[in-house]
Amino acid sequence: MRTTGRNLLRDLTHEYAKQARAKAALVSTSWHNEMLTLAESIIVKHAPELICRRRQLTVTSNHGLHDSLWLGEVDFFIDEVIEKSGGPVKNSPELLRAIKWMIAGATAQFASSRLPFLLDMKSAVVADAA
């Protein structure tokens, strides 16, 4: 830190405040990363059950996929499993968004498990039409 000496007290206070903000940001980032790591390990551990629940709770109709029940299950999982395992993730919108994204990624294969069923239904419709 450079100072001319005229405003030494003000400069030291300003510099201290700047360093304190930087340290707080680092601690916040560290906590955020720890929570993401914890959440990821929990999601990986529970992925088979989450995929099964997503398959059960996502309804396919002529108008597309309806996943409101599944989204409720995601909120329940975050409340009952992730938050109780170590951190108040719902207090951070960015962290909550990242965790929901991780759950969506971990359960994305639920659609591929539905594909053979959908193809069989289309084959049955074509066979009935013939």
Protein backbone atom coordinates (compact mmCIF):
# COMPACT_ATOMS: atom_id res chain seq x y z
CA MET A 1 0.00 0.00 0.00
CA ARG A 2 1.35 3.38 -0.95
CA THR A 3 0.46 6.53 0.90
CA THR A 4 1.79 10.02 1.05
CA GLY A 5 1.31 10.10 4.81
CA ARG A 6 -1.25 12.90 4.68
CA ASN A 7 -4.23 10.52 4.93
CA LEU A 8 -2.57 7.58 6.63
CA LEU A 9 -5.45 6.87 9.01
CA ARG A 10 -8.08 7.05 6.24
CA ASP A 11 -5.91 4.99 3.87
CA LEU A 12 -5.31 2.27 6.46
CA THR A 13 -9.03 2.07 7.26
CA HIS A 14 -9.90 1.91 3.57
CA GLU A 15 -7.25 -0.78 2.93
CA TYR A 16 -8.38 -2.82 5.93
CA ALA A 17 -12.00 -2.68 4.77
CA LYS A 18 -10.96 -3.76 1.25
CA GLN A 19 -9.01 -6.73 2.61
CA ALA A 20 -11.87 -7.70 4.92
CA ARG A 21 -14.30 -7.71 1.96
CA ALA A 22 -11.90 -9.86 -0.07
CA LYS A 23 -11.52 -12.32 2.81
CA ALA A 24 -15.29 -12.51 3.31
CA ALA A 25 -15.77 -13.20 -0.41
CA LEU A 26 -13.20 -15.98 -0.25
CA VAL A 27 -14.86 -17.56 2.79
CA SER A 28 -18.25 -17.31 1.07
CA THR A 29 -16.86 -18.91 -2.09
CA SER A 30 -15.23 -21.66 -0.03
CA TRP A 31 -18.51 -22.40 1.79
CA HIS A 32 -20.38 -22.36 -1.52
CA ASN A 33 -17.92 -24.85 -3.03
CA GLU A 34 -18.12 -27.11 0.04
CA MET A 35 -21.91 -27.13 -0.18
CA LEU A 36 -21.78 -27.96 -3.91
CA THR A 37 -19.38 -30.83 -3.23
CA LEU A 38 -21.57 -32.15 -0.41
CA ALA A 39 -24.73 -31.85 -2.51
CA GLU A 40 -23.08 -33.57 -5.47
CA SER A 41 -22.01 -36.55 -3.35
CA ILE A 42 -25.54 -36.85 -1.91
CA ILE A 43 -27.13 -36.64 -5.36
CA VAL A 44 -24.77 -39.30 -6.77
CA LYS A 45 -25.57 -41.57 -3.82
CA HIS A 46 -29.33 -41.15 -4.34
CA ALA A 47 -29.32 -41.03 -8.15
CA PRO A 48 -31.02 -44.43 -8.73
CA GLU A 49 -33.91 -43.53 -6.42
CA LEU A 50 -34.17 -40.03 -7.92
CA ILE A 51 -34.31 -41.47 -11.44
CA CYS A 52 -37.03 -43.89 -10.37
CA ARG A 53 -39.05 -41.10 -8.71
CA ARG A 54 -38.66 -38.86 -11.75
CA ARG A 55 -39.91 -41.66 -13.99
CA GLN A 56 -42.91 -42.19 -11.70
CA LEU A 57 -43.79 -38.53 -11.25
CA THR A 58 -43.33 -37.21 -14.79
CA VAL A 59 -46.50 -37.64 -16.82
CA THR A 60 -46.48 -37.80 -20.61
CA SER A 61 -49.57 -36.70 -22.47
CA ASN A 62 -50.49 -35.47 -25.94
CA HIS A 63 -49.45 -32.00 -24.77
CA GLY A 64 -45.94 -32.99 -23.68
CA LEU A 65 -44.30 -33.73 -20.37
CA HIS A 66 -45.85 -32.54 -17.12
CA ASP A 67 -43.35 -32.50 -14.30
CA SER A 68 -44.94 -30.45 -11.52
CA LEU A 69 -45.07 -33.50 -9.23
CA TRP A 70 -41.41 -34.18 -9.96
CA LEU A 71 -40.44 -30.58 -9.19
CA GLY A 72 -42.20 -30.92 -5.84
CA GLU A 73 -40.19 -34.08 -5.20
CA VAL A 74 -36.97 -32.17 -5.96
CA ASP A 75 -37.88 -29.53 -3.38
CA PHE A 76 -38.72 -32.26 -0.86
CA PHE A 77 -35.37 -34.00 -1.52
CA ILE A 78 -33.48 -30.74 -1.02
CA ASP A 79 -35.34 -30.02 2.24
CA GLU A 80 -35.23 -33.50 3.72
CA VAL A 81 -31.93 -34.89 2.48
CA ILE A 82 -29.50 -32.20 1.36
CA GLU A 83 -30.32 -29.51 3.92
CA LYS A 84 -30.41 -32.01 6.79
CA SER A 85 -27.00 -33.32 5.72
CA GLY A 86 -25.10 -30.17 6.33
CA GLY A 87 -26.12 -26.82 5.01
CA PRO A 88 -28.84 -24.25 4.55
CA VAL A 89 -28.67 -24.29 0.76
CA LYS A 90 -32.09 -22.67 0.39
CA ASN A 91 -30.62 -19.43 1.76
CA SER A 92 -28.54 -19.04 -1.40
CA PRO A 93 -30.50 -18.73 -4.68
CA GLU A 94 -27.34 -19.42 -6.71
CA LEU A 95 -26.55 -22.55 -4.73
CA LEU A 96 -30.14 -23.76 -4.89
CA ARG A 97 -30.20 -23.25 -8.65
CA ALA A 98 -26.93 -25.18 -9.03
CA ILE A 99 -28.23 -28.08 -6.92
CA LYS A 100 -31.46 -28.29 -8.91
CA TRP A 101 -29.36 -28.32 -12.09
CA MET A 102 -27.24 -31.19 -10.66
CA ILE A 103 -30.38 -33.17 -9.83
CA ALA A 104 -31.75 -32.58 -13.33
CA GLY A 105 -28.47 -33.76 -14.83
CA ALA A 106 -28.29 -36.83 -12.61
CA THR A 107 -31.85 -37.85 -13.52
CA ALA A 108 -31.80 -36.89 -17.20
CA GLN A 109 -31.55 -40.54 -18.23
CA PHE A 110 -35.07 -41.17 -16.96
CA ALA A 111 -36.31 -40.32 -20.47
CA SER A 112 -34.17 -43.01 -22.09
CA SER A 113 -35.70 -45.59 -19.75
CA ARG A 114 -39.14 -44.51 -21.00
CA LEU A 115 -38.16 -44.70 -24.69
CA PRO A 116 -38.73 -48.46 -25.29
CA PHE A 117 -42.18 -48.19 -23.75
CA LEU A 118 -43.07 -45.25 -26.00
CA LEU A 119 -41.72 -47.06 -29.08
CA ASP A 120 -43.74 -50.19 -28.23
CA MET A 121 -46.88 -48.07 -27.90
CA LYS A 122 -46.27 -46.51 -31.34
CA SER A 123 -45.66 -49.96 -32.84
CA ALA A 124 -48.91 -51.21 -31.33
CA VAL A 125 -50.80 -48.27 -32.80
CA VAL A 126 -49.31 -48.91 -36.25
CA ALA A 127 -50.08 -52.64 -36.00
CA ASP A 128 -53.69 -51.90 -35.01
CA ALA A 129 -54.05 -49.50 -37.94
CA ALA A 130 -52.87 -52.11 -40.46
